N, C-alpha and C. Protein backbone atom coordinates (compact mmCIF):
# COMPACT_ATOMS: atom_id res chain seq x y z
N MET A 1 -21.06 -45.38 9.98
CA MET A 1 -21.03 -44.30 10.94
C MET A 1 -19.68 -44.23 11.64
N LYS A 2 -19.05 -45.36 11.88
CA LYS A 2 -17.76 -45.39 12.55
C LYS A 2 -16.69 -44.69 11.73
N ASN A 3 -16.81 -44.68 10.42
CA ASN A 3 -15.83 -44.04 9.55
C ASN A 3 -15.85 -42.52 9.69
N PHE A 4 -16.96 -41.94 10.05
CA PHE A 4 -17.08 -40.49 10.12
C PHE A 4 -16.61 -39.91 11.46
N ILE A 5 -16.58 -40.68 12.49
CA ILE A 5 -16.19 -40.20 13.82
C ILE A 5 -14.74 -39.70 13.84
N PRO A 6 -13.74 -40.40 13.31
CA PRO A 6 -12.37 -39.87 13.35
C PRO A 6 -12.18 -38.65 12.46
N VAL A 7 -12.98 -38.48 11.46
CA VAL A 7 -12.86 -37.34 10.55
C VAL A 7 -13.30 -36.04 11.22
N PHE A 8 -14.31 -36.10 12.07
CA PHE A 8 -14.85 -34.89 12.70
C PHE A 8 -13.80 -34.13 13.52
N PRO A 9 -13.01 -34.77 14.38
CA PRO A 9 -11.98 -34.02 15.12
C PRO A 9 -10.94 -33.38 14.19
N LEU A 10 -10.57 -34.07 13.12
CA LEU A 10 -9.61 -33.50 12.17
C LEU A 10 -10.20 -32.29 11.46
N LEU A 11 -11.44 -32.37 11.08
CA LEU A 11 -12.12 -31.26 10.43
C LEU A 11 -12.23 -30.07 11.37
N LEU A 12 -12.57 -30.32 12.60
CA LEU A 12 -12.67 -29.27 13.61
C LEU A 12 -11.31 -28.60 13.84
N PHE A 13 -10.26 -29.40 13.90
CA PHE A 13 -8.90 -28.87 14.07
C PHE A 13 -8.49 -28.00 12.88
N ALA A 14 -8.76 -28.46 11.66
CA ALA A 14 -8.41 -27.71 10.46
C ALA A 14 -9.18 -26.38 10.41
N LEU A 15 -10.42 -26.41 10.77
CA LEU A 15 -11.24 -25.20 10.79
C LEU A 15 -10.74 -24.21 11.83
N SER A 16 -10.32 -24.68 12.97
CA SER A 16 -9.80 -23.78 14.01
C SER A 16 -8.49 -23.14 13.56
N LEU A 17 -7.65 -23.85 12.80
CA LEU A 17 -6.42 -23.26 12.28
C LEU A 17 -6.70 -22.10 11.33
N CYS A 18 -7.76 -22.20 10.57
CA CYS A 18 -8.14 -21.13 9.65
C CYS A 18 -8.43 -19.84 10.42
N PHE A 19 -9.11 -19.94 11.54
CA PHE A 19 -9.44 -18.75 12.32
C PHE A 19 -8.25 -18.21 13.09
N ILE A 20 -7.36 -19.06 13.53
CA ILE A 20 -6.18 -18.62 14.27
C ILE A 20 -5.24 -17.85 13.37
N SER A 21 -5.13 -18.22 12.09
CA SER A 21 -4.17 -17.59 11.20
C SER A 21 -4.65 -16.25 10.65
N CYS A 22 -5.85 -15.83 10.95
CA CYS A 22 -6.35 -14.55 10.46
C CYS A 22 -5.65 -13.39 11.16
N LYS A 23 -5.39 -12.31 10.40
CA LYS A 23 -4.77 -11.11 10.94
C LYS A 23 -5.85 -10.09 11.27
N ASP A 24 -5.51 -9.18 12.16
CA ASP A 24 -6.39 -8.07 12.46
C ASP A 24 -6.13 -6.99 11.41
N GLU A 25 -6.93 -7.00 10.36
CA GLU A 25 -6.72 -6.10 9.23
C GLU A 25 -7.99 -5.30 8.98
N ASP A 26 -7.85 -4.01 8.88
CA ASP A 26 -8.98 -3.14 8.61
C ASP A 26 -8.72 -2.37 7.33
N VAL A 27 -9.72 -2.28 6.48
CA VAL A 27 -9.62 -1.40 5.32
C VAL A 27 -10.27 -0.10 5.73
N LEU A 28 -9.48 0.96 5.70
CA LEU A 28 -9.95 2.25 6.16
C LEU A 28 -10.30 3.16 5.00
N PRO A 29 -11.51 3.68 4.97
CA PRO A 29 -11.78 4.72 3.98
C PRO A 29 -11.12 6.02 4.47
N PRO A 30 -10.41 6.71 3.59
CA PRO A 30 -9.81 7.97 4.03
C PRO A 30 -10.88 8.95 4.49
N THR A 31 -10.65 9.57 5.60
CA THR A 31 -11.58 10.58 6.09
C THR A 31 -11.06 11.94 5.68
N ASP A 32 -11.86 12.97 5.90
CA ASP A 32 -11.44 14.31 5.49
C ASP A 32 -10.27 14.83 6.33
N GLU A 33 -9.82 14.06 7.31
CA GLU A 33 -8.69 14.46 8.14
C GLU A 33 -7.46 13.58 7.92
N HIS A 34 -7.54 12.59 7.04
CA HIS A 34 -6.40 11.69 6.85
C HIS A 34 -5.25 12.43 6.18
N GLU A 35 -4.04 12.12 6.61
CA GLU A 35 -2.84 12.79 6.12
C GLU A 35 -2.59 12.58 4.63
N ILE A 36 -3.11 11.52 4.06
CA ILE A 36 -2.82 11.23 2.66
C ILE A 36 -3.55 12.16 1.70
N LEU A 37 -4.64 12.75 2.14
CA LEU A 37 -5.47 13.56 1.26
C LEU A 37 -4.71 14.78 0.74
N GLY A 38 -4.94 15.08 -0.53
CA GLY A 38 -4.32 16.24 -1.14
C GLY A 38 -3.28 15.85 -2.18
N GLU A 39 -2.47 16.84 -2.53
CA GLU A 39 -1.49 16.67 -3.61
C GLU A 39 -0.11 16.34 -3.06
N TRP A 40 0.51 15.30 -3.63
CA TRP A 40 1.86 14.88 -3.25
C TRP A 40 2.73 14.83 -4.50
N SER A 41 3.89 15.45 -4.42
CA SER A 41 4.84 15.44 -5.53
C SER A 41 5.94 14.42 -5.23
N MET A 42 6.10 13.45 -6.14
CA MET A 42 7.17 12.47 -5.96
C MET A 42 8.52 13.17 -6.13
N THR A 43 9.42 12.98 -5.16
CA THR A 43 10.71 13.67 -5.19
C THR A 43 11.90 12.72 -5.23
N ASN A 44 11.67 11.43 -4.99
CA ASN A 44 12.79 10.49 -5.00
C ASN A 44 12.29 9.07 -5.17
N VAL A 45 13.08 8.27 -5.90
CA VAL A 45 12.83 6.84 -6.02
C VAL A 45 14.15 6.16 -5.73
N SER A 46 14.11 5.18 -4.81
CA SER A 46 15.34 4.46 -4.48
C SER A 46 15.04 2.98 -4.30
N GLY A 47 16.10 2.17 -4.40
CA GLY A 47 15.97 0.74 -4.17
C GLY A 47 15.95 -0.06 -5.45
N GLY A 48 15.17 -1.12 -5.44
CA GLY A 48 15.11 -2.02 -6.58
C GLY A 48 16.32 -2.93 -6.62
N PHE A 49 16.33 -3.83 -7.56
CA PHE A 49 17.43 -4.79 -7.70
C PHE A 49 18.75 -4.07 -7.96
N ALA A 50 18.71 -2.99 -8.74
CA ALA A 50 19.93 -2.26 -9.09
C ALA A 50 20.37 -1.27 -8.01
N GLY A 51 19.54 -1.03 -7.01
CA GLY A 51 19.90 -0.11 -5.94
C GLY A 51 19.97 1.34 -6.38
N ILE A 52 18.99 1.78 -7.15
CA ILE A 52 19.00 3.15 -7.65
C ILE A 52 18.69 4.15 -6.53
N ASN A 53 19.01 5.40 -6.77
CA ASN A 53 18.65 6.51 -5.88
C ASN A 53 18.52 7.74 -6.77
N ASP A 54 17.32 7.93 -7.34
CA ASP A 54 17.10 8.98 -8.32
C ASP A 54 16.21 10.09 -7.77
N PRO A 55 16.74 11.31 -7.72
CA PRO A 55 15.88 12.44 -7.38
C PRO A 55 14.96 12.75 -8.56
N ILE A 56 13.78 13.25 -8.25
CA ILE A 56 12.82 13.64 -9.27
C ILE A 56 12.45 15.10 -9.01
N GLU A 57 12.43 15.89 -10.06
CA GLU A 57 12.11 17.30 -9.93
C GLU A 57 10.71 17.47 -9.32
N LYS A 58 10.63 18.27 -8.27
CA LYS A 58 9.34 18.47 -7.60
C LYS A 58 8.34 19.06 -8.59
N GLY A 59 7.18 18.43 -8.65
CA GLY A 59 6.12 18.86 -9.56
C GLY A 59 6.07 18.08 -10.86
N ALA A 60 7.08 17.23 -11.11
CA ALA A 60 7.12 16.46 -12.35
C ALA A 60 6.15 15.28 -12.33
N TYR A 61 5.92 14.71 -11.15
CA TYR A 61 5.09 13.51 -11.01
C TYR A 61 4.24 13.69 -9.78
N ILE A 62 2.95 13.92 -9.95
CA ILE A 62 2.06 14.32 -8.86
C ILE A 62 0.97 13.27 -8.64
N TRP A 63 0.81 12.88 -7.36
CA TRP A 63 -0.29 12.01 -6.96
C TRP A 63 -1.25 12.86 -6.14
N THR A 64 -2.52 12.89 -6.55
CA THR A 64 -3.54 13.65 -5.83
C THR A 64 -4.58 12.68 -5.28
N PHE A 65 -4.65 12.60 -3.95
CA PHE A 65 -5.59 11.72 -3.28
C PHE A 65 -6.83 12.50 -2.89
N GLY A 66 -7.99 12.06 -3.39
CA GLY A 66 -9.26 12.68 -3.04
C GLY A 66 -9.89 11.99 -1.85
N GLU A 67 -11.01 12.55 -1.41
CA GLU A 67 -11.68 12.03 -0.22
C GLU A 67 -12.36 10.69 -0.43
N SER A 68 -12.73 10.39 -1.65
CA SER A 68 -13.36 9.10 -1.89
C SER A 68 -12.29 8.10 -2.31
N GLN A 69 -12.58 6.83 -2.11
CA GLN A 69 -11.61 5.78 -2.43
C GLN A 69 -11.45 5.58 -3.93
N VAL A 70 -12.21 6.28 -4.71
CA VAL A 70 -12.11 6.11 -6.16
C VAL A 70 -11.44 7.32 -6.80
N ASN A 71 -10.64 8.03 -6.02
CA ASN A 71 -10.12 9.28 -6.54
C ASN A 71 -8.64 9.47 -6.25
N LEU A 72 -7.81 8.70 -6.91
CA LEU A 72 -6.37 8.96 -6.93
C LEU A 72 -6.06 9.35 -8.36
N HIS A 73 -5.59 10.56 -8.55
CA HIS A 73 -5.23 11.05 -9.89
C HIS A 73 -3.72 11.23 -9.95
N ILE A 74 -3.11 10.63 -10.96
CA ILE A 74 -1.66 10.73 -11.13
C ILE A 74 -1.37 11.53 -12.39
N THR A 75 -0.54 12.57 -12.23
CA THR A 75 -0.15 13.44 -13.33
C THR A 75 1.36 13.32 -13.50
N GLU A 76 1.79 13.14 -14.74
CA GLU A 76 3.22 13.05 -15.03
C GLU A 76 3.54 14.15 -16.04
N LEU A 77 4.11 15.25 -15.56
CA LEU A 77 4.44 16.37 -16.43
C LEU A 77 5.75 16.16 -17.17
N ILE A 78 6.68 15.48 -16.53
CA ILE A 78 7.95 15.12 -17.14
C ILE A 78 8.06 13.60 -17.01
N PRO A 79 8.23 12.87 -18.13
CA PRO A 79 8.30 11.40 -18.03
C PRO A 79 9.38 10.93 -17.06
N THR A 80 8.98 10.10 -16.10
CA THR A 80 9.93 9.60 -15.11
C THR A 80 10.19 8.11 -15.28
N GLY A 81 9.20 7.38 -15.78
CA GLY A 81 9.35 5.93 -15.93
C GLY A 81 9.17 5.16 -14.64
N TYR A 82 8.75 5.83 -13.57
CA TYR A 82 8.59 5.15 -12.27
C TYR A 82 7.12 5.09 -11.90
N GLY A 83 6.73 3.95 -11.36
CA GLY A 83 5.41 3.83 -10.77
C GLY A 83 4.29 3.70 -11.78
N PHE A 84 3.16 4.25 -11.42
CA PHE A 84 1.94 4.13 -12.20
C PHE A 84 1.90 5.14 -13.34
N SER A 85 1.24 4.77 -14.41
CA SER A 85 1.03 5.68 -15.54
C SER A 85 0.04 6.77 -15.14
N PRO A 86 0.09 7.92 -15.79
CA PRO A 86 -0.90 8.96 -15.48
C PRO A 86 -2.32 8.43 -15.67
N GLY A 87 -3.22 8.86 -14.81
CA GLY A 87 -4.61 8.44 -14.90
C GLY A 87 -5.29 8.48 -13.55
N ASN A 88 -6.50 7.92 -13.52
CA ASN A 88 -7.30 7.86 -12.30
C ASN A 88 -7.36 6.42 -11.80
N TYR A 89 -7.25 6.27 -10.48
CA TYR A 89 -7.21 4.96 -9.86
C TYR A 89 -8.10 4.93 -8.62
N ASP A 90 -8.57 3.71 -8.29
CA ASP A 90 -9.22 3.48 -7.01
C ASP A 90 -8.12 3.26 -5.98
N TYR A 91 -8.35 3.68 -4.76
CA TYR A 91 -7.37 3.39 -3.71
C TYR A 91 -8.06 3.19 -2.38
N SER A 92 -7.35 2.51 -1.49
CA SER A 92 -7.81 2.36 -0.11
C SER A 92 -6.58 2.21 0.76
N ILE A 93 -6.79 2.22 2.06
CA ILE A 93 -5.71 2.10 3.02
C ILE A 93 -6.03 0.94 3.95
N ILE A 94 -5.08 0.03 4.11
CA ILE A 94 -5.22 -1.10 5.02
C ILE A 94 -4.45 -0.76 6.29
N SER A 95 -5.05 -1.00 7.43
CA SER A 95 -4.39 -0.77 8.71
C SER A 95 -4.17 -2.11 9.40
N VAL A 96 -2.90 -2.43 9.70
CA VAL A 96 -2.54 -3.67 10.38
C VAL A 96 -1.51 -3.34 11.45
N ASP A 97 -1.82 -3.69 12.68
CA ASP A 97 -0.88 -3.48 13.79
C ASP A 97 -0.34 -2.05 13.82
N GLU A 98 -1.23 -1.08 13.68
CA GLU A 98 -0.90 0.35 13.74
C GLU A 98 -0.01 0.83 12.59
N LYS A 99 0.10 0.05 11.53
CA LYS A 99 0.80 0.47 10.31
C LYS A 99 -0.23 0.60 9.21
N GLU A 100 0.05 1.49 8.24
CA GLU A 100 -0.88 1.69 7.14
C GLU A 100 -0.23 1.29 5.82
N PHE A 101 -1.04 0.66 4.95
CA PHE A 101 -0.57 0.16 3.68
C PHE A 101 -1.50 0.66 2.58
N LEU A 102 -0.91 1.13 1.49
CA LEU A 102 -1.67 1.68 0.38
C LEU A 102 -2.04 0.59 -0.62
N VAL A 103 -3.30 0.58 -1.02
CA VAL A 103 -3.80 -0.35 -2.03
C VAL A 103 -4.30 0.49 -3.21
N ILE A 104 -3.78 0.21 -4.41
CA ILE A 104 -4.20 0.94 -5.61
C ILE A 104 -4.76 -0.08 -6.60
N ASP A 105 -5.98 0.17 -7.04
CA ASP A 105 -6.69 -0.73 -7.95
C ASP A 105 -6.63 -2.18 -7.50
N GLY A 106 -6.80 -2.40 -6.20
CA GLY A 106 -6.86 -3.75 -5.65
C GLY A 106 -5.52 -4.39 -5.34
N ASP A 107 -4.41 -3.72 -5.68
CA ASP A 107 -3.07 -4.27 -5.42
C ASP A 107 -2.38 -3.48 -4.31
N GLU A 108 -1.95 -4.18 -3.29
CA GLU A 108 -1.21 -3.53 -2.21
C GLU A 108 0.17 -3.12 -2.74
N VAL A 109 0.52 -1.84 -2.59
CA VAL A 109 1.79 -1.34 -3.15
C VAL A 109 2.84 -1.06 -2.10
N GLY A 110 2.47 -1.03 -0.82
CA GLY A 110 3.47 -0.86 0.22
C GLY A 110 2.97 -0.06 1.41
N GLU A 111 3.87 0.05 2.40
CA GLU A 111 3.56 0.78 3.64
C GLU A 111 3.74 2.28 3.42
N ILE A 112 2.82 3.06 3.95
CA ILE A 112 2.93 4.51 3.88
C ILE A 112 3.22 5.07 5.27
N GLN A 113 4.11 6.05 5.29
CA GLN A 113 4.47 6.73 6.54
C GLN A 113 4.51 8.22 6.27
N PHE A 114 4.17 8.98 7.29
CA PHE A 114 4.13 10.44 7.18
C PHE A 114 5.03 11.07 8.23
N ILE A 115 5.86 12.00 7.80
CA ILE A 115 6.68 12.80 8.71
C ILE A 115 6.59 14.23 8.22
N ASP A 116 5.98 15.08 9.04
CA ASP A 116 5.74 16.48 8.67
C ASP A 116 5.04 16.55 7.32
N GLU A 117 5.63 17.20 6.35
CA GLU A 117 5.02 17.37 5.03
C GLU A 117 5.60 16.38 4.02
N GLU A 118 6.11 15.25 4.51
CA GLU A 118 6.68 14.23 3.63
C GLU A 118 5.96 12.90 3.84
N MET A 119 5.88 12.14 2.75
CA MET A 119 5.29 10.81 2.80
C MET A 119 6.25 9.85 2.12
N THR A 120 6.40 8.65 2.69
CA THR A 120 7.17 7.60 2.03
C THR A 120 6.25 6.42 1.75
N LEU A 121 6.50 5.80 0.63
CA LEU A 121 5.80 4.59 0.23
C LEU A 121 6.86 3.52 0.08
N ASP A 122 6.86 2.56 0.99
CA ASP A 122 7.89 1.53 1.05
C ASP A 122 7.41 0.27 0.34
N GLY A 123 7.91 0.03 -0.86
CA GLY A 123 7.53 -1.13 -1.65
C GLY A 123 8.16 -2.43 -1.19
N ASN A 124 8.82 -2.41 -0.03
CA ASN A 124 9.38 -3.62 0.57
C ASN A 124 8.59 -4.08 1.79
N SER A 125 7.63 -3.29 2.22
CA SER A 125 6.88 -3.60 3.43
C SER A 125 5.39 -3.71 3.09
N PHE A 126 4.83 -4.89 3.35
CA PHE A 126 3.43 -5.16 3.05
C PHE A 126 2.72 -5.65 4.30
N SER A 127 1.39 -5.66 4.26
CA SER A 127 0.62 -6.04 5.44
C SER A 127 0.84 -7.49 5.84
N ASN A 128 1.24 -8.35 4.91
CA ASN A 128 1.40 -9.76 5.22
C ASN A 128 2.78 -10.32 4.86
N ALA A 129 3.71 -9.46 4.44
CA ALA A 129 5.04 -9.95 4.04
C ALA A 129 6.00 -8.77 3.92
N SER A 130 7.24 -9.09 3.63
CA SER A 130 8.22 -8.05 3.33
C SER A 130 9.04 -8.52 2.13
N GLY A 131 9.67 -7.56 1.46
CA GLY A 131 10.45 -7.88 0.28
C GLY A 131 11.85 -7.31 0.39
N ALA A 132 12.62 -7.43 -0.67
CA ALA A 132 13.98 -6.92 -0.65
C ALA A 132 14.32 -6.09 -1.88
N ASP A 133 13.59 -6.27 -2.98
CA ASP A 133 13.92 -5.60 -4.23
C ASP A 133 12.90 -4.57 -4.65
N GLY A 134 12.05 -4.14 -3.71
CA GLY A 134 11.04 -3.14 -4.04
C GLY A 134 11.63 -1.74 -4.04
N PHE A 135 10.83 -0.79 -4.39
CA PHE A 135 11.25 0.60 -4.45
C PHE A 135 10.71 1.38 -3.25
N MET A 136 11.44 2.39 -2.85
CA MET A 136 11.01 3.34 -1.83
C MET A 136 10.74 4.66 -2.58
N TYR A 137 9.53 5.16 -2.42
CA TYR A 137 9.15 6.40 -3.09
C TYR A 137 9.03 7.50 -2.03
N GLY A 138 9.63 8.64 -2.31
CA GLY A 138 9.53 9.79 -1.43
C GLY A 138 8.64 10.85 -2.06
N PHE A 139 7.76 11.44 -1.25
CA PHE A 139 6.83 12.48 -1.73
C PHE A 139 6.91 13.68 -0.80
N GLU A 140 6.63 14.86 -1.34
CA GLU A 140 6.52 16.08 -0.55
C GLU A 140 5.24 16.80 -0.96
N ARG A 141 4.71 17.58 -0.02
CA ARG A 141 3.53 18.41 -0.32
C ARG A 141 3.92 19.53 -1.25
């Protein structure tokens, strides 16, 4: 019995560290009023290891976000070679410290921001880390 007494405080301490390190993270289902809903045309890709800055013809690569989390449709009318292949994807939005992050098919792809009729997807900013060689995607309605 004496062997178990010193272990209990260590176990309690380790367990308390697990709860302290948790972030305030919410997965938000898009509502019918969320800014992301609707059709977005990718207009620019920049960044990456090579530091590219490529404009994309409006309408060539379209992301359409539906009201349910299982309805992101990507259409590529002109091959761009950037991002996801055309198709249907599940998506959700994570909210952490008043910032929103896009998750596609279970993978967090970056922070989303909205200014007027434009959206940016920052592949260097994540809910739990930041990067340096990710891409920044620009979209317009």
